[in-house]
PDB file of N, CA and C in Angstrom:
ATOM      1  N   MET A   1       0.811  -1.186   0.000  1.00  0.00           N
ATOM      2  CA  MET A   1       0.000   0.000   0.000  1.00  0.00           C
ATOM      3  C   MET A   1       0.856   1.252   0.000  1.00  0.00           C
ATOM      4  N   ALA A   2       1.808   1.246  -0.894  1.00  0.00           N
ATOM      5  CA  ALA A   2       2.736   2.370  -0.995  1.00  0.00           C
ATOM      6  C   ALA A   2       2.015   3.676  -1.323  1.00  0.00           C
ATOM      7  N   PHE A   3       0.863   3.596  -1.968  1.00  0.00           N
ATOM      8  CA  PHE A   3       0.141   4.813  -2.347  1.00  0.00           C
ATOM      9  C   PHE A   3      -0.235   5.648  -1.125  1.00  0.00           C
ATOM     10  N   LEU A   4      -0.331   5.028   0.051  1.00  0.00           N
ATOM     11  CA  LEU A   4      -0.666   5.787   1.259  1.00  0.00           C
ATOM     12  C   LEU A   4       0.411   6.813   1.603  1.00  0.00           C
ATOM     13  N   GLN A   5       1.611   6.621   1.083  1.00  0.00           N
ATOM     14  CA  GLN A   5       2.718   7.544   1.351  1.00  0.00           C
ATOM     15  C   GLN A   5       2.853   8.622   0.268  1.00  0.00           C
ATOM     16  N   TRP A   6       2.043   8.556  -0.774  1.00  0.00           N
ATOM     17  CA  TRP A   6       2.150   9.524  -1.864  1.00  0.00           C
ATOM     18  C   TRP A   6       1.803  10.928  -1.389  1.00  0.00           C
ATOM     19  N   ASP A   7       2.543  11.906  -1.893  1.00  0.00           N
ATOM     20  CA  ASP A   7       2.155  13.299  -1.692  1.00  0.00           C
ATOM     21  C   ASP A   7       1.297  13.709  -2.891  1.00  0.00           C
ATOM     22  N   CYS A   8       0.850  14.950  -2.919  1.00  0.00           N
ATOM     23  CA  CYS A   8      -0.072  15.365  -3.988  1.00  0.00           C
ATOM     24  C   CYS A   8       0.607  15.343  -5.365  1.00  0.00           C
ATOM     25  N   LYS A   9       1.920  15.533  -5.415  1.00  0.00           N
ATOM     26  CA  LYS A   9       2.625  15.456  -6.703  1.00  0.00           C
ATOM     27  C   LYS A   9       2.653  14.025  -7.221  1.00  0.00           C
ATOM     28  N   ASP A  10       2.818  13.058  -6.321  1.00  0.00           N
ATOM     29  CA  ASP A  10       2.783  11.642  -6.719  1.00  0.00           C
ATOM     30  C   ASP A  10       1.397  11.270  -7.250  1.00  0.00           C
ATOM     31  N   VAL A  11       0.363  11.760  -6.584  1.00  0.00           N
ATOM     32  CA  VAL A  11      -1.009  11.492  -7.037  1.00  0.00           C
ATOM     33  C   VAL A  11      -1.220  12.104  -8.417  1.00  0.00           C
ATOM     34  N   ALA A  12      -0.742  13.324  -8.612  1.00  0.00           N
ATOM     35  CA  ALA A  12      -0.892  13.989  -9.908  1.00  0.00           C
ATOM     36  C   ALA A  12      -0.162  13.213 -11.009  1.00  0.00           C
ATOM     37  N   LYS A  13       1.017  12.683 -10.703  1.00  0.00           N
ATOM     38  CA  LYS A  13       1.750  11.874 -11.685  1.00  0.00           C
ATOM     39  C   LYS A  13       0.969  10.603 -12.021  1.00  0.00           C
ATOM     40  N   TRP A  14       0.340  10.010 -11.010  1.00  0.00           N
ATOM     41  CA  TRP A  14      -0.465   8.811 -11.229  1.00  0.00           C
ATOM     42  C   TRP A  14      -1.658   9.129 -12.130  1.00  0.00           C
ATOM     43  N   ILE A  15      -2.319  10.260 -11.869  1.00  0.00           N
ATOM     44  CA  ILE A  15      -3.452  10.685 -12.701  1.00  0.00           C
ATOM     45  C   ILE A  15      -2.981  10.897 -14.137  1.00  0.00           C
ATOM     46  N   GLU A  16      -1.819  11.491 -14.295  1.00  0.00           N
ATOM     47  CA  GLU A  16      -1.257  11.699 -15.634  1.00  0.00           C
ATOM     48  C   GLU A  16      -0.993  10.354 -16.304  1.00  0.00           C
ATOM     49  N   SER A  17      -0.459   9.394 -15.560  1.00  0.00           N
ATOM     50  CA  SER A  17      -0.147   8.085 -16.137  1.00  0.00           C
ATOM     51  C   SER A  17      -1.401   7.334 -16.575  1.00  0.00           C
ATOM     52  N   LEU A  18      -2.545   7.705 -15.998  1.00  0.00           N
ATOM     53  CA  LEU A  18      -3.819   7.087 -16.394  1.00  0.00           C
ATOM     54  C   LEU A  18      -4.369   7.694 -17.681  1.00  0.00           C
ATOM     55  N   GLY A  19      -3.736   8.775 -18.131  1.00  0.00           N
ATOM     56  CA  GLY A  19      -4.186   9.429 -19.363  1.00  0.00           C
ATOM     57  C   GLY A  19      -5.016  10.671 -19.118  1.00  0.00           C
ATOM     58  N   TYR A  20      -4.891  11.248 -17.931  1.00  0.00           N
ATOM     59  CA  TYR A  20      -5.659  12.444 -17.590  1.00  0.00           C
ATOM     60  C   TYR A  20      -4.748  13.582 -17.141  1.00  0.00           C
ATOM     61  N   PRO A  21      -3.781  13.983 -17.959  1.00  0.00           N
ATOM     62  CA  PRO A  21      -2.866  15.053 -17.541  1.00  0.00           C
ATOM     63  C   PRO A  21      -3.585  16.381 -17.289  1.00  0.00           C
ATOM     64  N   HIS A  22      -4.720  16.577 -17.947  1.00  0.00           N
ATOM     65  CA  HIS A  22      -5.471  17.815 -17.781  1.00  0.00           C
ATOM     66  C   HIS A  22      -6.130  17.920 -16.402  1.00  0.00           C
ATOM     67  N   TYR A  23      -6.120  16.840 -15.611  1.00  0.00           N
ATOM     68  CA  TYR A  23      -6.687  16.868 -14.264  1.00  0.00           C
ATOM     69  C   TYR A  23      -5.615  16.921 -13.176  1.00  0.00           C
ATOM     70  N   MET A  24      -4.365  16.974 -13.555  1.00  0.00           N
ATOM     71  CA  MET A  24      -3.290  17.001 -12.554  1.00  0.00           C
ATOM     72  C   MET A  24      -3.469  18.170 -11.581  1.00  0.00           C
ATOM     73  N   ALA A  25      -3.769  19.333 -12.101  1.00  0.00           N
ATOM     74  CA  ALA A  25      -3.932  20.520 -11.255  1.00  0.00           C
ATOM     75  C   ALA A  25      -5.108  20.363 -10.298  1.00  0.00           C
ATOM     76  N   CYS A  26      -6.154  19.650 -10.719  1.00  0.00           N
ATOM     77  CA  CYS A  26      -7.306  19.426  -9.838  1.00  0.00           C
ATOM     78  C   CYS A  26      -6.875  18.711  -8.556  1.00  0.00           C
ATOM     79  N   PHE A  27      -5.936  17.797  -8.693  1.00  0.00           N
ATOM     80  CA  PHE A  27      -5.480  17.032  -7.538  1.00  0.00           C
ATOM     81  C   PHE A  27      -4.432  17.792  -6.724  1.00  0.00           C
ATOM     82  N   THR A  28      -3.521  18.495  -7.401  1.00  0.00           N
ATOM     83  CA  THR A  28      -2.491  19.228  -6.653  1.00  0.00           C
ATOM     84  C   THR A  28      -3.082  20.455  -5.953  1.00  0.00           C
ATOM     85  N   GLU A  29      -3.953  21.189  -6.622  1.00  0.00           N
ATOM     86  CA  GLU A  29      -4.550  22.387  -6.022  1.00  0.00           C
ATOM     87  C   GLU A  29      -5.449  22.055  -4.834  1.00  0.00           C
ATOM     88  N   ASN A  30      -5.983  20.844  -4.820  1.00  0.00           N
ATOM     89  CA  ASN A  30      -6.824  20.408  -3.708  1.00  0.00           C
ATOM     90  C   ASN A  30      -6.054  19.554  -2.701  1.00  0.00           C
ATOM     91  N   ALA A  31      -4.728  19.491  -2.885  1.00  0.00           N
ATOM     92  CA  ALA A  31      -3.836  18.775  -1.960  1.00  0.00           C
ATOM     93  C   ALA A  31      -4.280  17.337  -1.700  1.00  0.00           C
ATOM     94  N   ILE A  32      -4.611  16.618  -2.787  1.00  0.00           N
ATOM     95  CA  ILE A  32      -5.037  15.226  -2.661  1.00  0.00           C
ATOM     96  C   ILE A  32      -3.793  14.343  -2.575  1.00  0.00           C
ATOM     97  N   THR A  33      -3.574  13.785  -1.398  1.00  0.00           N
ATOM     98  CA  THR A  33      -2.457  12.879  -1.159  1.00  0.00           C
ATOM     99  C   THR A  33      -2.952  11.440  -1.315  1.00  0.00           C
ATOM    100  N   GLY A  34      -2.055  10.494  -1.170  1.00  0.00           N
ATOM    101  CA  GLY A  34      -2.450   9.087  -1.245  1.00  0.00           C
ATOM    102  C   GLY A  34      -3.492   8.727  -0.210  1.00  0.00           C
ATOM    103  N   ARG A  35      -3.347   9.267   0.986  1.00  0.00           N
ATOM    104  CA  ARG A  35      -4.345   9.003   2.033  1.00  0.00           C
ATOM    105  C   ARG A  35      -5.690   9.606   1.687  1.00  0.00           C
ATOM    106  N   LYS A  36      -5.688  10.766   1.061  1.00  0.00           N
ATOM    107  CA  LYS A  36      -6.954  11.403   0.698  1.00  0.00           C
ATOM    108  C   LYS A  36      -7.610  10.732  -0.506  1.00  0.00           C
ATOM    109  N   LEU A  37      -6.828   9.993  -1.300  1.00  0.00           N
ATOM    110  CA  LEU A  37      -7.413   9.262  -2.437  1.00  0.00           C
ATOM    111  C   LEU A  37      -8.491   8.300  -1.977  1.00  0.00           C
ATOM    112  N   ILE A  38      -8.378   7.845  -0.752  1.00  0.00           N
ATOM    113  CA  ILE A  38      -9.346   6.910  -0.193  1.00  0.00           C
ATOM    114  C   ILE A  38     -10.754   7.482  -0.264  1.00  0.00           C
ATOM    115  N   HIS A  39     -10.869   8.791  -0.203  1.00  0.00           N
ATOM    116  CA  HIS A  39     -12.181   9.441  -0.198  1.00  0.00           C
ATOM    117  C   HIS A  39     -12.612   9.951  -1.578  1.00  0.00           C
ATOM    118  N   VAL A  40     -11.817   9.676  -2.601  1.00  0.00           N
ATOM    119  CA  VAL A  40     -12.135  10.162  -3.945  1.00  0.00           C
ATOM    120  C   VAL A  40     -13.080   9.179  -4.630  1.00  0.00           C
ATOM    121  N   ASN A  41     -14.235   9.696  -5.045  1.00  0.00           N
ATOM    122  CA  ASN A  41     -15.204   8.900  -5.797  1.00  0.00           C
ATOM    123  C   ASN A  41     -16.055   9.836  -6.652  1.00  0.00           C
ATOM    124  N   CYS A  42     -17.002   9.282  -7.367  1.00  0.00           N
ATOM    125  CA  CYS A  42     -17.824  10.100  -8.274  1.00  0.00           C
ATOM    126  C   CYS A  42     -18.592  11.195  -7.547  1.00  0.00           C
ATOM    127  N   ARG A  43     -18.880  10.968  -6.297  1.00  0.00           N
ATOM    128  CA  ARG A  43     -19.649  11.960  -5.552  1.00  0.00           C
ATOM    129  C   ARG A  43     -18.853  13.237  -5.311  1.00  0.00           C
ATOM    130  N   ASN A  44     -17.529  13.120  -5.077  1.00  0.00           N
ATOM    131  CA  ASN A  44     -16.779  14.330  -4.759  1.00  0.00           C
ATOM    132  C   ASN A  44     -15.796  14.788  -5.825  1.00  0.00           C
ATOM    133  N   LEU A  45     -15.690  14.079  -6.938  1.00  0.00           N
ATOM    134  CA  LEU A  45     -14.816  14.555  -8.021  1.00  0.00           C
ATOM    135  C   LEU A  45     -15.242  15.925  -8.565  1.00  0.00           C
ATOM    136  N   PRO A  46     -16.551  16.220  -8.669  1.00  0.00           N
ATOM    137  CA  PRO A  46     -16.920  17.571  -9.133  1.00  0.00           C
ATOM    138  C   PRO A  46     -16.398  18.679  -8.210  1.00  0.00           C
ATOM    139  N   LYS A  47     -16.256  18.382  -6.919  1.00  0.00           N
ATOM    140  CA  LYS A  47     -15.708  19.374  -5.985  1.00  0.00           C
ATOM    141  C   LYS A  47     -14.248  19.672  -6.289  1.00  0.00           C
ATOM    142  N   LEU A  48     -13.572  18.713  -6.957  1.00  0.00           N
ATOM    143  CA  LEU A  48     -12.179  18.914  -7.340  1.00  0.00           C
ATOM    144  C   LEU A  48     -12.065  19.603  -8.697  1.00  0.00           C
ATOM    145  N   GLY A  49     -13.197  19.729  -9.397  1.00  0.00           N
ATOM    146  CA  GLY A  49     -13.193  20.361 -10.706  1.00  0.00           C
ATOM    147  C   GLY A  49     -13.317  19.378 -11.857  1.00  0.00           C
ATOM    148  N   ILE A  50     -13.622  18.130 -11.570  1.00  0.00           N
ATOM    149  CA  ILE A  50     -13.773  17.100 -12.606  1.00  0.00           C
ATOM    150  C   ILE A  50     -15.266  16.827 -12.764  1.00  0.00           C
ATOM    151  N   THR A  51     -15.820  17.237 -13.912  1.00  0.00           N
ATOM    152  CA  THR A  51     -17.270  17.143 -14.094  1.00  0.00           C
ATOM    153  C   THR A  51     -17.687  16.279 -15.284  1.00  0.00           C
ATOM    154  N   ASP A  52     -16.745  15.854 -16.089  1.00  0.00           N
ATOM    155  CA  ASP A  52     -17.078  14.972 -17.212  1.00  0.00           C
ATOM    156  C   ASP A  52     -17.441  13.597 -16.648  1.00  0.00           C
ATOM    157  N   PHE A  53     -18.691  13.164 -16.860  1.00  0.00           N
ATOM    158  CA  PHE A  53     -19.179  11.943 -16.223  1.00  0.00           C
ATOM    159  C   PHE A  53     -18.360  10.714 -16.620  1.00  0.00           C
ATOM    160  N   LYS A  54     -17.993  10.618 -17.886  1.00  0.00           N
ATOM    161  CA  LYS A  54     -17.202   9.478 -18.349  1.00  0.00           C
ATOM    162  C   LYS A  54     -15.850   9.444 -17.639  1.00  0.00           C
ATOM    163  N   ASP A  55     -15.206  10.594 -17.501  1.00  0.00           N
ATOM    164  CA  ASP A  55     -13.926  10.676 -16.805  1.00  0.00           C
ATOM    165  C   ASP A  55     -14.094  10.381 -15.315  1.00  0.00           C
ATOM    166  N   MET A  56     -15.191  10.860 -14.733  1.00  0.00           N
ATOM    167  CA  MET A  56     -15.457  10.603 -13.323  1.00  0.00           C
ATOM    168  C   MET A  56     -15.581   9.103 -13.062  1.00  0.00           C
ATOM    169  N   LYS A  57     -16.318   8.412 -13.914  1.00  0.00           N
ATOM    170  CA  LYS A  57     -16.480   6.963 -13.755  1.00  0.00           C
ATOM    171  C   LYS A  57     -15.141   6.249 -13.886  1.00  0.00           C
ATOM    172  N   ALA A  58     -14.353   6.652 -14.883  1.00  0.00           N
ATOM    173  CA  ALA A  58     -13.064   5.997 -15.127  1.00  0.00           C
ATOM    174  C   ALA A  58     -12.085   6.250 -13.975  1.00  0.00           C
ATOM    175  N   ILE A  59     -11.987   7.484 -13.531  1.00  0.00           N
ATOM    176  CA  ILE A  59     -11.065   7.804 -12.436  1.00  0.00           C
ATOM    177  C   ILE A  59     -11.492   7.090 -11.158  1.00  0.00           C
ATOM    178  N   SER A  60     -12.777   7.068 -10.882  1.00  0.00           N
ATOM    179  CA  SER A  60     -13.268   6.353  -9.697  1.00  0.00           C
ATOM    180  C   SER A  60     -12.928   4.874  -9.771  1.00  0.00           C
ATOM    181  N   ALA A  61     -13.062   4.286 -10.955  1.00  0.00           N
ATOM    182  CA  ALA A  61     -12.718   2.867 -11.130  1.00  0.00           C
ATOM    183  C   ALA A  61     -11.227   2.637 -10.899  1.00  0.00           C
ATOM    184  N   HIS A  62     -10.389   3.542 -11.387  1.00  0.00           N
ATOM    185  CA  HIS A  62      -8.944   3.421 -11.179  1.00  0.00           C
ATOM    186  C   HIS A  62      -8.597   3.557  -9.690  1.00  0.00           C
ATOM    187  N   VAL A  63      -9.276   4.462  -9.007  1.00  0.00           N
ATOM    188  CA  VAL A  63      -9.027   4.634  -7.571  1.00  0.00           C
ATOM    189  C   VAL A  63      -9.423   3.358  -6.827  1.00  0.00           C
ATOM    190  N   ARG A  64     -10.604   2.807  -7.151  1.00  0.00           N
ATOM    191  CA  ARG A  64     -11.033   1.559  -6.499  1.00  0.00           C
ATOM    192  C   ARG A  64     -10.044   0.431  -6.756  1.00  0.00           C
ATOM    193  N   LYS A  65      -9.534   0.354  -7.979  1.00  0.00           N
ATOM    194  CA  LYS A  65      -8.557  -0.684  -8.314  1.00  0.00           C
ATOM    195  C   LYS A  65      -7.274  -0.484  -7.506  1.00  0.00           C
ATOM    196  N   LEU A  66      -6.797   0.749  -7.422  1.00  0.00           N
ATOM    197  CA  LEU A  66      -5.598   1.046  -6.645  1.00  0.00           C
ATOM    198  C   LEU A  66      -5.792   0.669  -5.175  1.00  0.00           C
ATOM    199  N   LEU A  67      -6.962   0.976  -4.645  1.00  0.00           N
ATOM    200  CA  LEU A  67      -7.250   0.707  -3.242  1.00  0.00           C
ATOM    201  C   LEU A  67      -7.563  -0.760  -2.976  1.00  0.00           C
ATOM    202  N   GLY A  68      -7.932  -1.466  -4.031  1.00  0.00           N
ATOM    203  CA  GLY A  68      -8.282  -2.871  -3.857  1.00  0.00           C
ATOM    204  C   GLY A  68      -9.677  -3.069  -3.291  1.00  0.00           C
ATOM    205  N   VAL A  69     -10.568  -2.124  -3.573  1.00  0.00           N
ATOM    206  CA  VAL A  69     -11.951  -2.247  -3.095  1.00  0.00           C
ATOM    207  C   VAL A  69     -12.869  -2.520  -4.273  1.00  0.00           C
ATOM    208  N   SER A  70     -13.972  -3.182  -3.986  1.00  0.00           N
ATOM    209  CA  SER A  70     -14.898  -3.563  -5.042  1.00  0.00           C
ATOM    210  C   SER A  70     -15.869  -2.432  -5.356  1.00  0.00           C
ATOM    211  N   GLU A  71     -16.435  -2.520  -6.536  1.00  0.00           N
ATOM    212  CA  GLU A  71     -17.441  -1.544  -6.944  1.00  0.00           C
ATOM    213  C   GLU A  71     -18.705  -1.798  -6.150  1.00  0.00           C
ATOM    214  N   PRO A  72     -19.369  -0.749  -5.696  1.00  0.00           N
ATOM    215  CA  PRO A  72     -20.612  -0.944  -4.947  1.00  0.00           C
ATOM    216  C   PRO A  72     -21.645  -1.704  -5.783  1.00  0.00           C
ATOM    217  N   VAL A  73     -22.399  -2.543  -5.112  1.00  0.00           N
ATOM    218  CA  VAL A  73     -23.470  -3.285  -5.773  1.00  0.00           C
ATOM    219  C   VAL A  73     -24.675  -2.367  -5.861  1.00  0.00           C
ATOM    220  N   TRP A  74     -25.150  -2.132  -7.061  1.00  0.00           N
ATOM    221  CA  TRP A  74     -26.231  -1.168  -7.252  1.00  0.00           C
ATOM    222  C   TRP A  74     -27.615  -1.774  -7.040  1.00  0.00           C
ATOM    223  N   SER A  75     -27.683  -3.089  -6.896  1.00  0.00           N
ATOM    224  CA  SER A  75     -28.992  -3.714  -6.695  1.00  0.00           C
ATOM    225  C   SER A  75     -29.352  -3.824  -5.211  1.00  0.00           C
ATOM    226  N   ARG A  76     -28.492  -3.358  -4.321  1.00  0.00           N
ATOM    227  CA  ARG A  76     -28.763  -3.441  -2.890  1.00  0.00           C
ATOM    228  C   ARG A  76     -29.674  -2.294  -2.467  1.00  0.00           C
ATOM    229  N   SER A  77     -30.207  -2.397  -1.286  1.00  0.00           N
ATOM    230  CA  SER A  77     -31.068  -1.354  -0.743  1.00  0.00           C
ATOM    231  C   SER A  77     -30.264  -0.072  -0.532  1.00  0.00           C
ATOM    232  N   LEU A  78     -30.880   1.060  -0.835  1.00  0.00           N
ATOM    233  CA  LEU A  78     -30.212   2.343  -0.620  1.00  0.00           C
ATOM    234  C   LEU A  78     -30.005   2.622   0.858  1.00  0.00           C
ATOM    235  N   ALA A  79     -30.784   1.983   1.707  1.00  0.00           N
ATOM    236  CA  ALA A  79     -30.648   2.183   3.146  1.00  0.00           C
ATOM    237  C   ALA A  79     -29.393   1.514   3.695  1.00  0.00           C
ATOM    238  N   GLU A  80     -28.860   0.538   2.969  1.00  0.00           N
ATOM    239  CA  GLU A  80     -27.668  -0.161   3.413  1.00  0.00           C
ATOM    240  C   GLU A  80     -26.433   0.461   2.768  1.00  0.00           C
ATOM    241  N   PHE A  81     -25.567   1.005   3.588  1.00  0.00           N
ATOM    242  CA  PHE A  81     -24.342   1.603   3.078  1.00  0.00           C
ATOM    243  C   PHE A  81     -23.328   0.492   2.840  1.00  0.00           C
ATOM    244  N   HIS A  82     -22.732   0.474   1.651  1.00  0.00           N
ATOM    245  CA  HIS A  82     -21.764  -0.571   1.293  1.00  0.00           C
ATOM    246  C   HIS A  82     -20.499  -0.434   2.129  1.00  0.00           C
ATOM    247  N   ARG A  83     -20.165  -1.466   2.893  1.00  0.00           N
ATOM    248  CA  ARG A  83     -18.970  -1.448   3.722  1.00  0.00           C
ATOM    249  C   ARG A  83     -18.261  -2.792   3.595  1.00  0.00           C
ATOM    250  N   ASP A  84     -17.098  -2.810   3.006  1.00  0.00           N
ATOM    251  CA  ASP A  84     -16.309  -4.034   2.986  1.00  0.00           C
ATOM    252  C   ASP A  84     -15.093  -3.828   3.884  1.00  0.00           C
ATOM    253  N   ASP A  85     -14.437  -4.919   4.241  1.00  0.00           N
ATOM    254  CA  ASP A  85     -13.311  -4.841   5.169  1.00  0.00           C
ATOM    255  C   ASP A  85     -12.208  -3.918   4.677  1.00  0.00           C
ATOM    256  N   MET A  86     -11.859  -4.023   3.403  1.00  0.00           N
ATOM    257  CA  MET A  86     -10.776  -3.195   2.874  1.00  0.00           C
ATOM    258  C   MET A  86     -11.158  -1.717   2.909  1.00  0.00           C
ATOM    259  N   GLY A  87     -12.393  -1.402   2.550  1.00  0.00           N
ATOM    260  CA  GLY A  87     -12.836  -0.019   2.583  1.00  0.00           C
ATOM    261  C   GLY A  87     -12.791   0.568   3.983  1.00  0.00           C
ATOM    262  N   LEU A  88     -13.247  -0.214   4.960  1.00  0.00           N
ATOM    263  CA  LEU A  88     -13.204   0.246   6.350  1.00  0.00           C
ATOM    264  C   LEU A  88     -11.771   0.423   6.838  1.00  0.00           C
ATOM    265  N   PHE A  89     -10.898  -0.519   6.463  1.00  0.00           N
ATOM    266  CA  PHE A  89      -9.490  -0.416   6.827  1.00  0.00           C
ATOM    267  C   PHE A  89      -8.866   0.847   6.237  1.00  0.00           C
ATOM    268  N   LEU A  90      -9.128   1.107   4.970  1.00  0.00           N
ATOM    269  CA  LEU A  90      -8.541   2.281   4.321  1.00  0.00           C
ATOM    270  C   LEU A  90      -9.059   3.578   4.923  1.00  0.00           C
ATOM    271  N   GLU A  91     -10.315   3.580   5.372  1.00  0.00           N
ATOM    272  CA  GLU A  91     -10.816   4.764   6.060  1.00  0.00           C
ATOM    273  C   GLU A  91      -9.992   5.037   7.318  1.00  0.00           C
ATOM    274  N   ARG A  92      -9.665   3.977   8.054  1.00  0.00           N
ATOM    275  CA  ARG A  92      -8.824   4.144   9.250  1.00  0.00           C
ATOM    276  C   ARG A  92      -7.422   4.596   8.864  1.00  0.00           C
ATOM    277  N   LYS A  93      -6.867   4.053   7.771  1.00  0.00           N
ATOM    278  CA  LYS A  93      -5.522   4.429   7.331  1.00  0.00           C
ATOM    279  C   LYS A  93      -5.480   5.851   6.788  1.00  0.00           C
ATOM    280  N   SER A  94      -6.618   6.402   6.384  1.00  0.00           N
ATOM    281  CA  SER A  94      -6.627   7.749   5.815  1.00  0.00           C
ATOM    282  C   SER A  94      -6.371   8.805   6.879  1.00  0.00           C
ATOM    283  N   ARG A  95      -6.521   8.426   8.121  1.00  0.00           N
ATOM    284  CA  ARG A  95      -6.256   9.362   9.211  1.00  0.00           C
ATOM    285  C   ARG A  95      -4.745   9.552   9.378  1.00  0.00           C
ATOM    286  N   THR A  96      -4.387  10.633  10.012  1.00  0.00           N
ATOM    287  CA  THR A  96      -2.970  10.875  10.271  1.00  0.00           C
ATOM    288  C   THR A  96      -2.642  10.456  11.693  1.00  0.00           C
ATOM    289  N   GLY A  97      -1.382  10.246  11.943  1.00  0.00           N
ATOM    290  CA  GLY A  97      -0.936   9.900  13.285  1.00  0.00           C
ATOM    291  C   GLY A  97      -0.302   8.531  13.334  1.00  0.00           C
ATOM    292  N   GLU A  98       0.378   8.275  14.436  1.00  0.00           N
ATOM    293  CA  GLU A  98       1.137   7.041  14.598  1.00  0.00           C
ATOM    294  C   GLU A  98       0.248   5.805  14.560  1.00  0.00           C
ATOM    295  N   CYS A  99      -0.929   5.873  15.182  1.00  0.00           N
ATOM    296  CA  CYS A  99      -1.822   4.705  15.193  1.00  0.00           C
ATOM    297  C   CYS A  99      -2.223   4.299  13.776  1.00  0.00           C
ATOM    298  N   ALA A 100      -2.548   5.262  12.953  1.00  0.00           N
ATOM    299  CA  ALA A 100      -2.913   4.956  11.564  1.00  0.00           C
ATOM    300  C   ALA A 100      -1.699   4.465  10.785  1.00  0.00           C
ATOM    301  N   ASP A 101      -0.545   5.027  11.063  1.00  0.00           N
ATOM    302  CA  ASP A 101       0.669   4.636  10.340  1.00  0.00           C
ATOM    303  C   ASP A 101       1.055   3.185  10.592  1.00  0.00           C
ATOM    304  N   ILE A 102       0.891   2.715  11.816  1.00  0.00           N
ATOM    305  CA  ILE A 102       1.342   1.360  12.142  1.00  0.00           C
ATOM    306  C   ILE A 102       0.259   0.297  11.984  1.00  0.00           C
ATOM    307  N   LEU A 103      -0.973   0.700  11.766  1.00  0.00           N
ATOM    308  CA  LEU A 103      -2.076  -0.249  11.625  1.00  0.00           C
ATOM    309  C   LEU A 103      -1.892  -1.115  10.379  1.00  0.00           C
ATOM    310  N   THR A 104      -1.999  -2.422  10.549  1.00  0.00           N
ATOM    311  CA  THR A 104      -1.942  -3.349   9.412  1.00  0.00           C
ATOM    312  C   THR A 104      -3.334  -3.904   9.168  1.00  0.00           C
ATOM    313  N   PHE A 105      -3.547  -4.448   7.980  1.00  0.00           N
ATOM    314  CA  PHE A 105      -4.851  -5.003   7.638  1.00  0.00           C
ATOM    315  C   PHE A 105      -5.197  -6.167   8.561  1.00  0.00           C
ATOM    316  N   ASN A 106      -4.235  -7.047   8.831  1.00  0.00           N
ATOM    317  CA  ASN A 106      -4.494  -8.187   9.718  1.00  0.00           C
ATOM    318  C   ASN A 106      -4.841  -7.728  11.131  1.00  0.00           C
ATOM    319  N   GLN A 107      -4.144  -6.715  11.616  1.00  0.00           N
ATOM    320  CA  GLN A 107      -4.450  -6.170  12.937  1.00  0.00           C
ATOM    321  C   GLN A 107      -5.857  -5.578  12.946  1.00  0.00           C
ATOM    322  N   PHE A 108      -6.202  -4.868  11.893  1.00  0.00           N
ATOM    323  CA  PHE A 108      -7.534  -4.280  11.781  1.00  0.00           C
ATOM    324  C   PHE A 108      -8.603  -5.363  11.842  1.00  0.00           C
ATOM    325  N   LEU A 109      -8.395  -6.464  11.095  1.00  0.00           N
ATOM    326  CA  LEU A 109      -9.360  -7.552  11.095  1.00  0.00           C
ATOM    327  C   LEU A 109      -9.479  -8.188  12.474  1.00  0.00           C
ATOM    328  N   ARG A 110      -8.343  -8.388  13.148  1.00  0.00           N
ATOM    329  CA  ARG A 110      -8.392  -8.960  14.512  1.00  0.00           C
ATOM    330  C   ARG A 110      -9.165  -8.045  15.450  1.00  0.00           C
ATOM    331  N   ASP A 111      -8.872  -6.741  15.410  1.00  0.00           N
ATOM    332  CA  ASP A 111      -9.547  -5.782  16.278  1.00  0.00           C
ATOM    333  C   ASP A 111     -11.041  -5.727  15.977  1.00  0.00           C
ATOM    334  N   ARG A 112     -11.385  -5.850  14.722  1.00  0.00           N
ATOM    335  CA  ARG A 112     -12.794  -5.771  14.313  1.00  0.00           C
ATOM    336  C   ARG A 112     -13.582  -6.964  14.826  1.00  0.00           C
ATOM    337  N   LYS A 113     -12.951  -8.147  14.840  1.00  0.00           N
ATOM    338  CA  LYS A 113     -13.638  -9.354  15.307  1.00  0.00           C
ATOM    339  C   LYS A 113     -13.901  -9.306  16.806  1.00  0.00           C
ATOM    340  N   THR A 114     -13.073  -8.578  17.554  1.00  0.00           N
ATOM    341  CA  THR A 114     -13.254  -8.522  19.010  1.00  0.00           C
ATOM    342  C   THR A 114     -14.314  -7.514  19.423  1.00  0.00           C
ATOM    343  N   CYS A 115     -14.739  -6.669  18.508  1.00  0.00           N
ATOM    344  CA  CYS A 115     -15.753  -5.657  18.844  1.00  0.00           C
ATOM    345  C   CYS A 115     -17.149  -6.240  18.851  1.00  0.00           C
TER     346      CYS A 115
END
């Protein structure tokens, strides 16, 4: 999960490598780091200045692939928020501080089972 250590310039280079160099500034100007990528999806890409729906879908898919999380199932009830283990783990890793830095996926799973 090296992407968690990316700064906003690394994220911008990654966006460029995906074929979207025209969106590099959207990520750098909004200080999107690897940890903040965890929160990037179609819902908040327009806030970054990305409004082309086709590009939004593609970038969101690339982010999900990078994070290793699955696409939400659209046939589920809207009342049920999609939560998978990896997504929950990455939300915890998106925080700053020593606890988030040292947290491993296996540790997260162990802690989750005891709750």
